[in-house]
Protein backbone atom coordinates (compact mmCIF):
# COMPACT_ATOMS: atom_id res chain seq x y z
CA MET A 1 0.01 -0.02 0.00
CA PRO A 2 1.31 3.37 -0.95
CA ASN A 3 0.77 5.18 2.10
CA THR A 4 -0.51 4.86 5.65
CA LYS A 5 -2.12 8.21 6.48
CA LYS A 6 -6.04 7.65 6.04
CA LEU A 7 -7.85 9.83 3.50
CA LEU A 8 -11.50 8.71 4.73
CA SER A 9 -12.74 6.50 7.57
CA ILE A 10 -15.91 4.93 7.44
CA ASN A 11 -17.67 3.72 10.40
CA ASN A 12 -20.92 1.49 10.49
CA LEU A 13 -22.51 3.37 7.21
CA LYS A 14 -25.70 2.44 6.50
CA LYS A 15 -27.87 3.29 3.34
CA TYR A 16 -31.87 2.57 3.37
CA PHE A 17 -33.90 3.49 0.76
CA PRO A 18 -37.94 3.84 1.53
CA VAL A 19 -40.11 1.39 -0.52
CA ALA A 20 -43.34 2.89 -1.25
CA LYS A 21 -46.23 1.60 0.66
CA SER A 22 -48.46 -0.98 -1.33
CA SER A 23 -51.49 -0.02 0.34
CA VAL A 24 -53.11 2.83 2.89
CA LEU A 25 -53.46 0.14 5.39
CA GLN A 26 -49.58 -1.23 5.49
CA LYS A 27 -48.50 0.07 8.81
CA GLU A 28 -44.71 -1.22 8.51
CA GLN A 29 -42.31 1.01 6.61
CA LEU A 30 -40.02 -1.11 4.34
CA TYR A 31 -36.56 -0.07 3.18
CA VAL A 32 -34.15 -1.34 0.93
CA ARG A 33 -30.97 -2.00 2.69
CA ALA A 34 -28.36 -1.04 0.02
CA ASN A 35 -25.68 -0.67 2.64
CA GLU A 36 -25.38 -2.16 6.00
CA ASP A 37 -22.78 -1.41 8.90
CA ILE A 38 -20.10 -0.79 6.40
CA SER A 39 -16.43 0.06 8.19
CA LEU A 40 -13.27 0.64 6.26
CA ASP A 41 -10.36 3.06 5.90
CA ILE A 42 -9.08 4.52 2.68
CA TYR A 43 -5.42 5.72 2.57
CA GLU A 44 -3.93 8.56 0.62
CA GLY A 45 -2.49 7.59 -2.87
CA GLU A 46 -3.83 4.19 -2.81
CA THR A 47 -6.49 2.31 -4.95
CA LEU A 48 -9.48 0.56 -3.17
CA GLY A 49 -11.48 -1.86 -5.87
CA ILE A 50 -14.90 -2.72 -4.99
CA VAL A 51 -16.17 -5.88 -6.58
CA GLY A 52 -19.54 -8.13 -5.82
CA GLU A 53 -22.42 -9.03 -7.66
CA SER A 54 -25.13 -6.54 -9.14
CA GLY A 55 -27.11 -5.00 -6.36
CA CYS A 56 -24.63 -5.38 -3.78
CA GLY A 57 -24.47 -1.98 -3.22
CA LYS A 58 -20.91 -0.95 -4.77
CA SER A 59 -22.57 2.06 -6.69
CA THR A 60 -24.35 3.13 -3.57
CA LEU A 61 -21.38 2.97 -1.03
CA GLY A 62 -19.38 5.25 -3.50
CA ARG A 63 -22.05 7.92 -3.89
CA THR A 64 -23.30 8.07 -0.02
CA LEU A 65 -19.31 8.56 0.81
CA LEU A 66 -19.81 11.81 -1.51
CA GLN A 67 -22.94 12.60 0.19
CA LEU A 68 -24.70 12.40 -3.13
CA TYR A 69 -27.06 10.46 -1.30
CA PRO A 70 -27.57 11.28 2.30
CA GLN A 71 -26.33 8.89 4.69
CA THR A 72 -28.87 6.75 7.04
CA ALA A 73 -26.46 6.24 9.95
CA GLY A 74 -22.73 5.70 10.34
CA THR A 75 -19.86 8.26 10.25
CA THR A 76 -17.90 9.27 7.30
CA MET A 77 -14.64 11.27 8.37
CA TYR A 78 -12.73 12.99 5.87
CA TYR A 79 -8.89 14.07 6.66
CA GLY A 80 -8.23 15.93 3.19
CA VAL A 81 -9.10 19.37 5.32
CA SER A 82 -9.24 20.01 9.03
CA LEU A 83 -12.02 21.04 11.19
CA ALA A 84 -10.39 24.78 11.12
CA ASP A 85 -10.43 24.81 7.25
CA ILE A 86 -14.40 24.29 7.39
CA ALA A 87 -15.44 25.20 10.80
CA PRO A 88 -19.13 23.48 10.25
CA LYS A 89 -21.93 24.25 12.56
CA TYR A 90 -22.36 20.56 13.89
CA VAL A 91 -19.10 21.36 15.68
CA THR A 92 -20.70 24.90 17.15
CA ASP A 93 -24.22 22.71 17.89
CA THR A 94 -22.37 19.78 19.86
CA ILE A 95 -20.43 22.21 22.08
CA LYS A 96 -23.18 24.36 22.84
CA ASN A 97 -25.41 21.50 23.51
CA LEU A 98 -22.51 19.23 25.10
CA ASP A 99 -24.71 18.19 28.08
CA ARG A 100 -27.82 17.18 26.05
CA TYR A 101 -25.36 14.82 23.89
CA LYS A 102 -23.65 13.37 27.03
CA SER A 103 -27.23 12.50 28.38
CA LYS A 104 -27.80 10.72 25.35
CA TYR A 105 -24.93 8.86 24.95
CA GLU A 106 -25.38 7.70 28.79
CA LYS A 107 -28.96 6.37 28.10
CA LEU A 108 -27.73 4.71 25.14
CA ALA A 109 -24.91 2.91 26.96
CA GLU A 110 -27.13 2.08 29.88
CA LYS A 111 -29.62 0.63 27.45
CA SER A 112 -26.81 -1.24 25.61
CA ALA A 113 -25.34 -2.84 29.22
CA GLU A 114 -28.87 -4.02 30.09
CA LEU A 115 -29.35 -5.87 26.81
CA ALA A 116 -25.82 -7.00 26.87
CA ALA A 117 -26.67 -8.68 30.51
CA LYS A 118 -30.04 -10.06 29.00
CA VAL A 119 -27.80 -11.98 26.25
CA GLU A 120 -25.41 -13.33 28.98
CA ALA A 121 -27.85 -14.40 31.03
CA ALA A 122 -29.82 -16.37 27.80
CA GLY A 123 -26.54 -18.43 27.56
CA GLY A 124 -24.39 -15.59 25.30
CA GLU A 125 -24.24 -15.18 21.77
CA GLU A 126 -24.38 -19.37 21.02
CA THR A 127 -28.00 -19.50 22.47
CA ALA A 128 -29.22 -16.06 22.84
CA ASP A 129 -32.63 -14.98 21.32
CA PHE A 130 -31.41 -13.45 17.74
CA TYR A 131 -33.57 -10.55 18.24
CA LEU A 132 -32.61 -9.91 21.69
CA LEU A 133 -28.84 -10.18 20.39
CA GLN A 134 -29.62 -8.18 17.25
CA ASP A 135 -30.86 -5.15 19.85
CA ALA A 136 -28.04 -5.54 22.08
CA ASN A 137 -25.78 -5.01 19.16
CA ILE A 138 -27.63 -1.92 17.64
CA ALA A 139 -27.77 -0.17 21.06
CA ALA A 140 -23.91 -0.76 21.65
CA CYS A 141 -23.27 0.60 18.10
CA ASP A 142 -25.39 3.41 18.81
CA ALA A 143 -23.88 4.44 22.00
CA GLN A 144 -20.68 4.36 20.29
CA THR A 145 -21.67 6.48 17.39
CA ALA A 146 -23.10 8.99 19.95
CA LEU A 147 -20.06 8.98 22.15
CA SER A 148 -17.68 9.38 18.77
CA HIS A 149 -19.70 12.75 17.95
CA ILE A 150 -18.88 14.11 21.13
CA VAL A 151 -15.41 12.92 21.94
CA LYS A 152 -14.19 13.77 18.52
CA ILE A 153 -14.93 17.50 18.97
CA VAL A 154 -14.05 18.26 22.63
CA GLY A 155 -11.65 15.57 23.48
CA GLY A 156 -10.72 15.00 27.22
CA PHE A 157 -13.20 18.13 28.22
CA PHE A 158 -16.09 15.23 27.71
CA ALA A 159 -14.67 13.67 30.87
CA HIS A 160 -13.32 16.64 33.02
CA ASP A 161 -14.17 20.36 32.56
CA PRO A 162 -14.91 22.15 35.86
CA ASP A 163 -16.63 25.26 35.34
CA ASN A 164 -16.97 24.63 31.61
CA LYS A 165 -13.51 26.32 30.84
CA GLY A 166 -12.76 24.27 27.92
CA ARG A 167 -15.85 24.30 26.44
CA ASP A 168 -16.38 28.00 26.36
CA LEU A 169 -12.57 28.28 25.04
CA LEU A 170 -13.88 25.70 22.24
CA LEU A 171 -16.78 27.71 21.18
CA GLU A 172 -15.07 30.89 21.38
CA GLU A 173 -12.18 29.40 18.83
CA PHE A 174 -14.80 27.93 16.31
CA GLU A 175 -16.71 31.18 16.40
CA GLN A 176 -13.75 33.40 15.76
CA ASN A 177 -12.64 30.74 13.10
CA LYS A 178 -15.82 31.17 11.30
CA ILE A 179 -15.14 35.00 10.68
CA ARG A 180 -11.68 33.87 9.67
CA ILE A 181 -13.23 31.79 7.44
CA SER A 182 -15.96 34.21 5.84
CA ALA A 183 -12.94 36.74 5.40
CA LYS A 184 -10.83 34.35 3.72
CA LYS A 185 -13.48 33.66 1.11
CA LYS A 186 -14.46 37.17 0.32
CA LEU A 187 -10.51 37.76 0.09
CA LYS A 188 -10.09 35.41 -2.26
CA ALA A 189 -12.95 36.62 -4.63
CA ALA A 190 -11.69 39.85 -4.39
CA LYS A 191 -8.37 38.93 -5.28
CA LEU A 192 -9.69 36.94 -8.34
CA GLU A 193 -11.68 39.76 -9.58
CA TYR A 194 -8.70 41.83 -9.08
CA ASP A 195 -6.39 39.80 -11.23
CA HIS A 196 -9.15 39.24 -13.83
CA LEU A 197 -9.52 42.78 -14.43
CA ASN A 198 -5.93 43.66 -14.21
CA ALA A 199 -5.33 41.24 -17.20
CA LEU A 200 -7.56 43.03 -19.40
CA THR A 201 -5.63 44.59 -22.47
CA ASP A 202 -5.49 48.05 -23.62
CA GLU A 203 -7.35 46.93 -26.86
CA LYS A 204 -10.45 47.15 -25.16
CA GLU A 205 -10.05 50.65 -24.06
CA ARG A 206 -13.49 51.12 -22.79
CA ALA A 207 -13.26 47.95 -20.83
CA LYS A 208 -9.96 48.70 -19.33
CA ALA A 209 -11.63 52.21 -18.37
CA LYS A 210 -14.22 50.31 -16.26
CA ALA A 211 -11.79 48.15 -15.09
CA ASP A 212 -9.47 50.44 -13.68
CA ALA A 213 -12.28 52.24 -12.03
CA LYS A 214 -13.17 48.96 -10.05
CA LEU A 215 -9.53 48.13 -9.45
CA GLN A 216 -9.49 51.20 -7.49
CA LYS A 217 -12.35 50.24 -5.28
CA LEU A 218 -11.03 46.87 -4.96
CA LYS A 219 -7.61 47.54 -3.60
CA PRO A 220 -8.64 49.13 -0.16
CA GLU A 221 -11.29 46.35 -0.10
CA ILE A 222 -8.72 43.71 -0.26
CA GLU A 223 -6.34 45.46 2.16
CA SER A 224 -9.29 45.41 4.92
CA LEU A 225 -10.06 42.09 4.31
CA GLN A 226 -6.53 40.80 4.62
CA GLN A 227 -5.78 42.95 8.02
CA LEU A 228 -9.21 41.17 8.98
CA VAL A 229 -7.84 37.61 8.34
CA ASP A 230 -4.57 38.55 9.94
CA SER A 231 -6.23 39.69 13.12
CA GLU A 232 -8.36 36.78 13.30
CA THR A 233 -5.43 34.27 12.93
CA LYS A 234 -3.56 35.97 15.67
CA LYS A 235 -6.56 35.80 17.78
CA LEU A 236 -6.88 32.23 17.10
CA LYS A 237 -3.44 31.26 17.85
CA GLU A 238 -3.82 32.80 20.98
CA LEU A 239 -6.95 30.74 21.91
CA SER A 240 -5.11 27.63 20.61
CA ALA A 241 -2.26 28.32 23.27
CA LYS A 242 -4.75 28.88 26.20
CA LEU A 243 -6.51 25.41 25.27
CA ASP A 244 -2.87 23.65 25.01
CA THR A 245 -2.15 24.95 28.79
CA LEU A 246 -5.52 23.90 29.57
CA ARG A 247 -4.96 20.54 28.49
CA ALA A 248 -1.55 20.07 29.97
CA GLU A 249 -3.35 21.29 33.31
CA TYR A 250 -6.14 18.53 33.17
CA ALA A 251 -3.83 15.92 32.03
CA GLY A 252 -3.84 12.74 34.20
CA VAL A 253 -6.88 13.82 35.93
CA GLY A 254 -9.64 11.20 35.64
CA GLU A 255 -10.09 9.84 32.27
CA PHE A 256 -9.06 13.04 30.57
CA SER A 257 -6.04 11.83 28.79
CA LYS A 258 -8.08 8.48 27.36
CA TYR A 259 -10.85 10.88 25.60
CA GLU A 260 -8.61 13.48 24.70
CA ALA A 261 -6.63 10.49 22.65
CA MET A 262 -9.92 10.12 20.86
CA ARG A 263 -10.14 13.73 19.47
CA ASP A 264 -10.42 13.87 15.98
CA ASP A 265 -9.51 16.75 13.58
CA GLY A 266 -11.37 15.13 10.55
CA ILE A 267 -14.78 16.37 9.01
CA ASP A 268 -17.43 14.15 9.38
CA LEU A 269 -19.27 14.55 5.86
CA SER A 270 -22.46 13.11 7.17
CA ARG A 271 -23.28 15.82 9.64
CA LEU A 272 -22.17 18.73 6.84
CA GLN A 273 -24.91 21.13 5.89
CA TYR A 274 -25.34 21.66 2.20
CA SER A 275 -23.30 24.28 1.52
CA GLU A 276 -20.60 23.36 3.74
CA MET A 277 -20.62 20.05 1.86
CA ARG A 278 -20.71 21.96 -1.66
CA SER A 279 -17.10 23.79 -0.29
CA LEU A 280 -15.58 20.16 -0.24
CA ARG A 281 -17.11 19.15 -3.79
CA ARG A 282 -13.93 19.89 -5.64
CA ASP A 283 -11.93 17.66 -3.27
CA LEU A 284 -14.23 14.76 -3.89
CA GLN A 285 -15.08 13.96 -7.35
CA ILE A 286 -16.63 11.05 -9.41
CA ILE A 287 -16.54 9.50 -12.84
CA PHE A 288 -20.00 8.03 -13.83
CA GLN A 289 -20.58 4.70 -15.70
CA ASP A 290 -22.26 6.38 -18.57
CA PRO A 291 -20.07 9.15 -19.85
CA TYR A 292 -22.95 10.28 -22.29
CA SER A 293 -25.56 10.36 -19.87
CA SER A 294 -23.69 12.58 -17.23
CA LEU A 295 -22.45 15.12 -20.10
CA ASN A 296 -24.45 17.79 -20.58
CA PRO A 297 -25.66 17.25 -24.37
CA ARG A 298 -26.06 21.21 -24.73
CA PHE A 299 -22.65 22.28 -23.47
CA THR A 300 -19.46 22.29 -25.32
CA ILE A 301 -16.39 20.27 -24.01
CA GLY A 302 -14.65 23.54 -22.66
CA GLN A 303 -17.98 24.39 -21.13
CA ILE A 304 -17.99 21.03 -19.33
CA ILE A 305 -14.89 21.38 -17.62
CA GLU A 306 -15.31 25.49 -16.76
CA GLU A 307 -18.57 24.59 -14.95
CA GLY A 308 -16.47 23.45 -12.01
CA LEU A 309 -14.01 25.82 -12.19
CA VAL A 310 -16.33 28.38 -12.13
CA THR A 311 -18.45 27.27 -9.45
CA HIS A 312 -15.66 26.88 -7.13
CA ASN A 313 -14.37 30.43 -7.86
CA LEU A 314 -10.85 28.93 -9.13
CA PHE A 315 -10.79 31.18 -12.20
CA LYS A 316 -13.33 33.94 -13.59
CA HIS A 317 -15.65 33.15 -16.39
CA GLY A 318 -13.81 34.29 -19.64
CA SER A 319 -10.23 34.10 -18.43
CA PRO A 320 -7.55 33.57 -20.38
CA LYS A 321 -5.68 31.51 -17.81
CA MET A 322 -8.86 29.40 -17.25
CA ARG A 323 -8.94 28.77 -20.99
CA GLN A 324 -5.35 27.52 -20.73
CA HIS A 325 -5.84 25.47 -17.57
CA ILE A 326 -8.98 23.67 -19.38
CA VAL A 327 -6.52 22.63 -22.76
CA ASP A 328 -3.71 21.59 -20.20
CA THR A 329 -6.24 19.44 -18.27
CA MET A 330 -7.28 18.11 -21.70
CA VAL A 331 -3.95 17.11 -22.90
CA LYS A 332 -3.14 15.11 -19.99
CA CYS A 333 -6.38 13.24 -20.49
CA GLY A 334 -5.39 12.59 -24.21
CA LEU A 335 -7.80 15.20 -25.70
CA GLN A 336 -6.73 17.81 -28.08
CA GLU A 337 -7.21 21.30 -27.90
CA TYR A 338 -9.14 21.61 -31.31
CA MET A 339 -11.89 19.63 -29.41
CA LEU A 340 -12.52 22.23 -26.83
CA HIS A 341 -15.94 23.60 -29.08
CA ARG A 342 -17.10 20.27 -29.80
CA TYR A 343 -20.34 18.83 -28.34
CA PRO A 344 -20.45 15.28 -26.64
CA HIS A 345 -22.46 13.36 -29.02
CA GLN A 346 -19.47 14.32 -31.35
CA PHE A 347 -16.98 11.93 -29.75
CA SER A 348 -16.85 8.48 -29.34
CA GLY A 349 -17.77 6.48 -26.01
CA GLY A 350 -13.66 6.41 -24.91
CA GLN A 351 -13.03 10.14 -26.00
CA ARG A 352 -16.45 10.79 -23.77
CA GLN A 353 -14.91 9.18 -20.87
CA ARG A 354 -11.83 10.77 -21.20
CA VAL A 355 -13.91 14.20 -21.22
CA ALA A 356 -15.57 12.44 -17.79
CA ILE A 357 -11.99 12.23 -16.58
CA ALA A 358 -11.24 15.59 -17.32
CA ARG A 359 -14.08 17.23 -15.57
CA ALA A 360 -13.21 15.60 -12.44
CA LEU A 361 -9.71 16.19 -12.45
CA ALA A 362 -9.85 20.14 -13.54
CA VAL A 363 -10.90 21.13 -10.16
CA GLY A 364 -7.69 19.51 -8.50
CA PRO A 365 -9.63 16.49 -6.31
CA LYS A 366 -7.87 14.56 -3.68
CA PHE A 367 -10.11 11.47 -3.91
CA ILE A 368 -12.03 10.39 -7.02
CA VAL A 369 -14.97 7.45 -7.27
CA CYS A 370 -14.51 5.68 -10.15
CA ASP A 371 -18.02 4.12 -10.70
CA GLU A 372 -17.86 1.45 -13.52
CA CYS A 373 -16.09 3.70 -15.59
CA VAL A 374 -14.56 1.44 -18.27
CA SER A 375 -17.50 -1.40 -18.03
CA ALA A 376 -19.14 0.28 -21.12
CA LEU A 377 -16.22 0.54 -23.33
CA ASP A 378 -14.50 -1.89 -25.57
CA VAL A 379 -11.57 -4.05 -24.43
CA SER A 380 -8.81 -2.21 -26.20
CA ILE A 381 -10.16 1.26 -24.69
CA GLN A 382 -10.78 -0.11 -21.03
CA SER A 383 -6.75 -0.73 -21.16
CA GLN A 384 -6.16 2.72 -22.71
CA ILE A 385 -8.18 4.28 -19.82
CA ILE A 386 -6.98 2.35 -17.17
CA ASN A 387 -3.54 3.23 -17.81
CA LEU A 388 -4.66 6.82 -18.24
CA LEU A 389 -6.26 6.63 -14.78
CA GLN A 390 -2.85 4.91 -13.39
CA GLU A 391 -0.75 7.69 -15.07
CA LEU A 392 -3.07 10.55 -13.39
CA LYS A 393 -2.78 8.96 -10.00
CA GLU A 394 0.98 9.16 -10.20
CA LYS A 395 1.16 12.41 -11.54
CA GLU A 396 -1.46 14.13 -9.53
CA HIS A 397 -1.28 12.15 -6.25
CA LEU A 398 -5.10 11.23 -6.41
CA THR A 399 -6.63 8.32 -4.47
CA TYR A 400 -9.30 6.26 -6.29
CA MET A 401 -12.51 3.87 -5.28
CA PHE A 402 -12.33 1.71 -8.57
CA ILE A 403 -15.95 -0.05 -8.51
CA SER A 404 -16.05 -2.59 -11.37
CA HIS A 405 -17.62 -6.25 -11.75
CA ASP A 406 -14.47 -7.05 -13.97
CA LEU A 407 -12.16 -9.23 -11.43
CA SER A 408 -8.99 -9.14 -13.89
CA VAL A 409 -9.29 -5.13 -14.18
CA VAL A 410 -9.58 -4.46 -10.41
CA ARG A 411 -6.88 -6.88 -9.83
CA TYR A 412 -4.56 -4.68 -12.13
CA ILE A 413 -5.35 -1.49 -10.95
CA SER A 414 -6.14 -2.07 -7.22
CA ASP A 415 -3.72 -1.85 -3.97
CA ARG A 416 -6.45 -3.26 -2.04
CA ILE A 417 -9.98 -5.04 -2.73
CA CYS A 418 -13.02 -5.09 -0.80
CA VAL A 419 -15.69 -7.82 -1.62
CA MET A 420 -19.38 -6.84 -1.13
CA TYR A 421 -22.33 -9.06 -1.14
CA LEU A 422 -26.04 -7.65 -0.43
CA GLY A 423 -24.87 -4.41 1.11
CA ASN A 424 -22.00 -5.69 3.56
CA VAL A 425 -18.29 -6.34 3.33
CA VAL A 426 -17.28 -9.59 3.44
CA GLU A 427 -13.66 -9.66 2.69
CA LEU A 428 -10.89 -6.86 2.68
CA ALA A 429 -7.48 -7.15 1.85
CA ASP A 430 -4.34 -6.30 -0.28
CA ALA A 431 -4.85 -7.60 -4.16
CA ALA A 432 -2.64 -10.13 -3.95
CA THR A 433 -3.92 -11.56 -0.76
CA ILE A 434 -7.64 -11.73 -2.19
CA PHE A 435 -6.49 -13.78 -5.17
CA ASP A 436 -3.99 -15.92 -3.54
CA ASP A 437 -5.64 -16.72 -0.39
CA PRO A 438 -9.36 -15.74 -0.38
CA ARG A 439 -11.06 -16.94 2.73
CA HIS A 440 -14.80 -16.02 2.45
CA PRO A 441 -16.76 -18.66 0.41
CA TYR A 442 -18.02 -15.88 -1.71
CA THR A 443 -14.62 -14.42 -2.87
CA VAL A 444 -13.81 -18.10 -3.63
CA ALA A 445 -16.91 -18.32 -5.66
CA LEU A 446 -15.96 -15.14 -7.72
CA LEU A 447 -12.66 -16.00 -8.47
CA SER A 448 -13.66 -19.24 -9.71
CA SER A 449 -15.57 -17.67 -12.29
CA ILE A 450 -12.78 -15.65 -13.78
CA PRO A 451 -11.86 -17.42 -17.25
CA SER A 452 -8.66 -19.38 -17.24
CA THR A 453 -6.12 -20.57 -20.12
CA ASP A 454 -4.74 -23.39 -17.90
CA VAL A 455 -4.61 -26.90 -19.63
CA ASN A 456 -5.17 -28.67 -16.60
CA PRO A 457 -9.05 -28.32 -16.03
CA SER A 458 -8.65 -29.66 -12.57
CA ALA A 459 -6.21 -27.06 -11.42
CA LYS A 460 -9.12 -24.50 -11.20
CA GLU A 461 -12.99 -26.05 -10.37
CA ARG A 462 -15.86 -23.50 -11.04
CA ILE A 463 -18.28 -23.07 -8.16
CA ILE A 464 -21.76 -22.38 -9.00
CA LEU A 465 -23.48 -20.47 -6.59
CA GLU A 466 -27.18 -22.12 -6.13
CA GLY A 467 -30.29 -20.00 -5.76
CA ASN A 468 -31.00 -15.98 -6.53
CA ILE A 469 -29.63 -13.44 -4.54
CA PRO A 470 -31.96 -12.58 -1.64
CA SER A 471 -34.20 -9.52 -1.28
CA PRO A 472 -32.39 -6.36 0.26
CA ILE A 473 -35.87 -5.58 1.55
CA LYS A 474 -35.86 -8.49 4.03
CA PRO A 475 -32.52 -9.97 4.11
CA PRO A 476 -31.82 -13.53 5.72
CA SER A 477 -31.24 -13.37 9.12
CA GLY A 478 -27.55 -14.43 10.39
CA CYS A 479 -24.82 -14.28 7.59
CA LYS A 480 -26.74 -12.87 4.16
CA PHE A 481 -24.77 -15.40 2.32
CA HIS A 482 -25.89 -18.77 4.22
CA THR A 483 -28.87 -19.35 1.60
CA ARG A 484 -26.25 -19.84 -1.31
CA CYS A 485 -22.92 -21.15 0.82
CA TYR A 486 -21.76 -24.23 0.52
CA MET A 487 -20.42 -24.09 3.92
CA ALA A 488 -23.09 -22.82 5.79
CA CYS A 489 -24.19 -24.23 9.11
CA GLU A 490 -26.89 -23.77 11.60
CA LYS A 491 -24.48 -20.89 13.62
CA CYS A 492 -24.52 -18.98 10.13
CA GLN A 493 -28.56 -18.86 10.15
CA ARG A 494 -28.43 -17.20 13.50
CA VAL A 495 -25.71 -15.33 14.37
CA THR A 496 -24.21 -12.26 11.97
CA PRO A 497 -20.54 -12.78 11.44
CA GLU A 498 -18.37 -9.55 12.23
CA LEU A 499 -15.65 -8.28 10.12
CA ARG A 500 -12.38 -8.71 11.91
CA GLU A 501 -9.03 -9.19 10.94
CA ILE A 502 -7.66 -12.53 10.79
CA GLU A 503 -4.27 -11.39 9.47
CA PRO A 504 -2.50 -8.44 9.44
CA GLY A 505 -4.43 -6.19 6.70
CA HIS A 506 -6.70 -8.99 5.92
CA PHE A 507 -10.50 -8.68 7.22
CA LEU A 508 -13.36 -11.25 6.97
CA ALA A 509 -16.55 -11.82 7.97
CA CYS A 510 -16.92 -15.16 8.28
CA HIS A 511 -17.58 -17.95 11.24
CA PHE A 512 -15.43 -20.13 9.13
CA PRO A 513 -11.75 -18.18 8.46
CA GLU A 514 -9.42 -21.20 7.84
CA ARG A 515 -7.69 -20.88 4.64
CA LYS A 516 -9.73 -22.38 1.58
CA ILE A 517 -7.20 -22.98 -1.04
CA ASP A 518 -3.89 -25.05 -0.74
CA GLU A 519 -0.67 -23.62 -2.39
CA ASN A 520 -1.33 -25.11 -5.89
CA GLY A 521 -4.64 -23.54 -5.76
CA LYS A 522 -6.97 -26.20 -5.17
CA TYR A 523 -9.83 -25.93 -2.89
CA LEU A 524 -9.56 -27.63 0.63
CA PHE A 525 -13.03 -28.32 1.01
CA GLU A 526 -15.75 -30.47 -0.88
CA LEU A 527 -17.23 -28.81 -3.89
CA PRO A 528 -20.82 -28.81 -4.26
CA LYS A 529 -21.96 -31.51 -6.89
CA VAL A 530 -22.67 -29.57 -10.26
CA GLU A 531 -24.94 -31.06 -12.91
CA SER A 532 -23.03 -31.55 -15.86
CA ARG A 533 -24.58 -30.98 -19.76
CA SER A 534 -24.88 -34.44 -20.32
CA ASP A 535 -26.76 -35.36 -16.87
CA ARG A 536 -29.18 -32.82 -18.03
CA ALA A 537 -29.56 -34.33 -21.55
């Protein structure tokens, strides 16, 4: 893996879509459980491959991470910027209402402890009532989420803060930071306008005269805003020093240090308001599966790429610098300058996908979701796009989530691979481990379906999964895969396996984590009997 610094950290993510009621008499609201309790980390500079059958929740996961779909539950922490860069409203809300949040956590923790005691009295995990066990797990998860929402912001002041000194200082710090951020945004817009007006040529004398008048007004405004930013920055440094002194004073008192270690400077994307999330859109981009339907047919290629640049105030509309930036981005993506004024319908599928990549790349993102971005292309074009993505990743220091059905493509481009089934992560490891030592029966079945040129047919036996994928509205109890699994037992029907680390970097959600293939690639279990064509005849 290229890096060990987290860019995104997902914890117990859920995404449910409500199902329309069949009649007015239906009381129960049903949901499509597209993503269920997904927890994983994405590191800077890596490519995380997501694989699984259609309907397993791959695309939903990618879009939910970007908050194109609002999360139903869970947290998605983004570390590309800090809290000081955004100063989101949820931070000040948490600090102001700290007592109410603490009370909510304590009630959930108490409920979790009561249910856990009942499960233990019923005989533990093996014999406890299924619904009681599920309720205990949900309560524990809710309590942990409520605690993390508080402690990540206030740190040790959650456990020890006499007279609310720490809380008051934190609140003052974030309120001052909001003023600084607002002033920085205005300063950036004023400088952008100043540079644009100053670049006007003498050929347009009338426009130049008007520009000069605006420039004279902008100069004092820019100076005033710069002074405000400097003043607020100085105040923030003073407040930060006071907080550091207070933390040093409280260190070692009760559980202060324990909770202080849990403090997190990341941004919880799931708690951002719409306007706050928009400011992060340039960092988090997506390349859609169908390049034609995702491009506006009424816009030229230049206008399509320009849209994001103007929206995020990176350039002024009509700026010569912006045109040059668009051309440079197009060239990086294998497009020529003369294509600037063409429309999407005038391009081939591969060229349209390059346009989609250029649009995402132009705003300088840190993370890109590649949502089956090569599945609609010819094999020869696929290889070109994959190589382009690899090249851009190295040059632009990008991080990818690469979603695909093609296991061969995923193996080629991915540093790590995440296998999903019916909304859950069932196995997660580096690409070599997934292909050389798969542990989950579903992963083994997927890999057995890859076409092979091996002359020895017995070296790799095909595993055909029986039955259909269960409904995501009412999924099976216990392990969701047990209805199709050739290794399922009675425990699999009752108890949901947790995603746990069985080896360093290798995570598995299965009750039987033993090795399933030997050194020669032979399966170490008896395969289900598959009816041959001659038998059917």
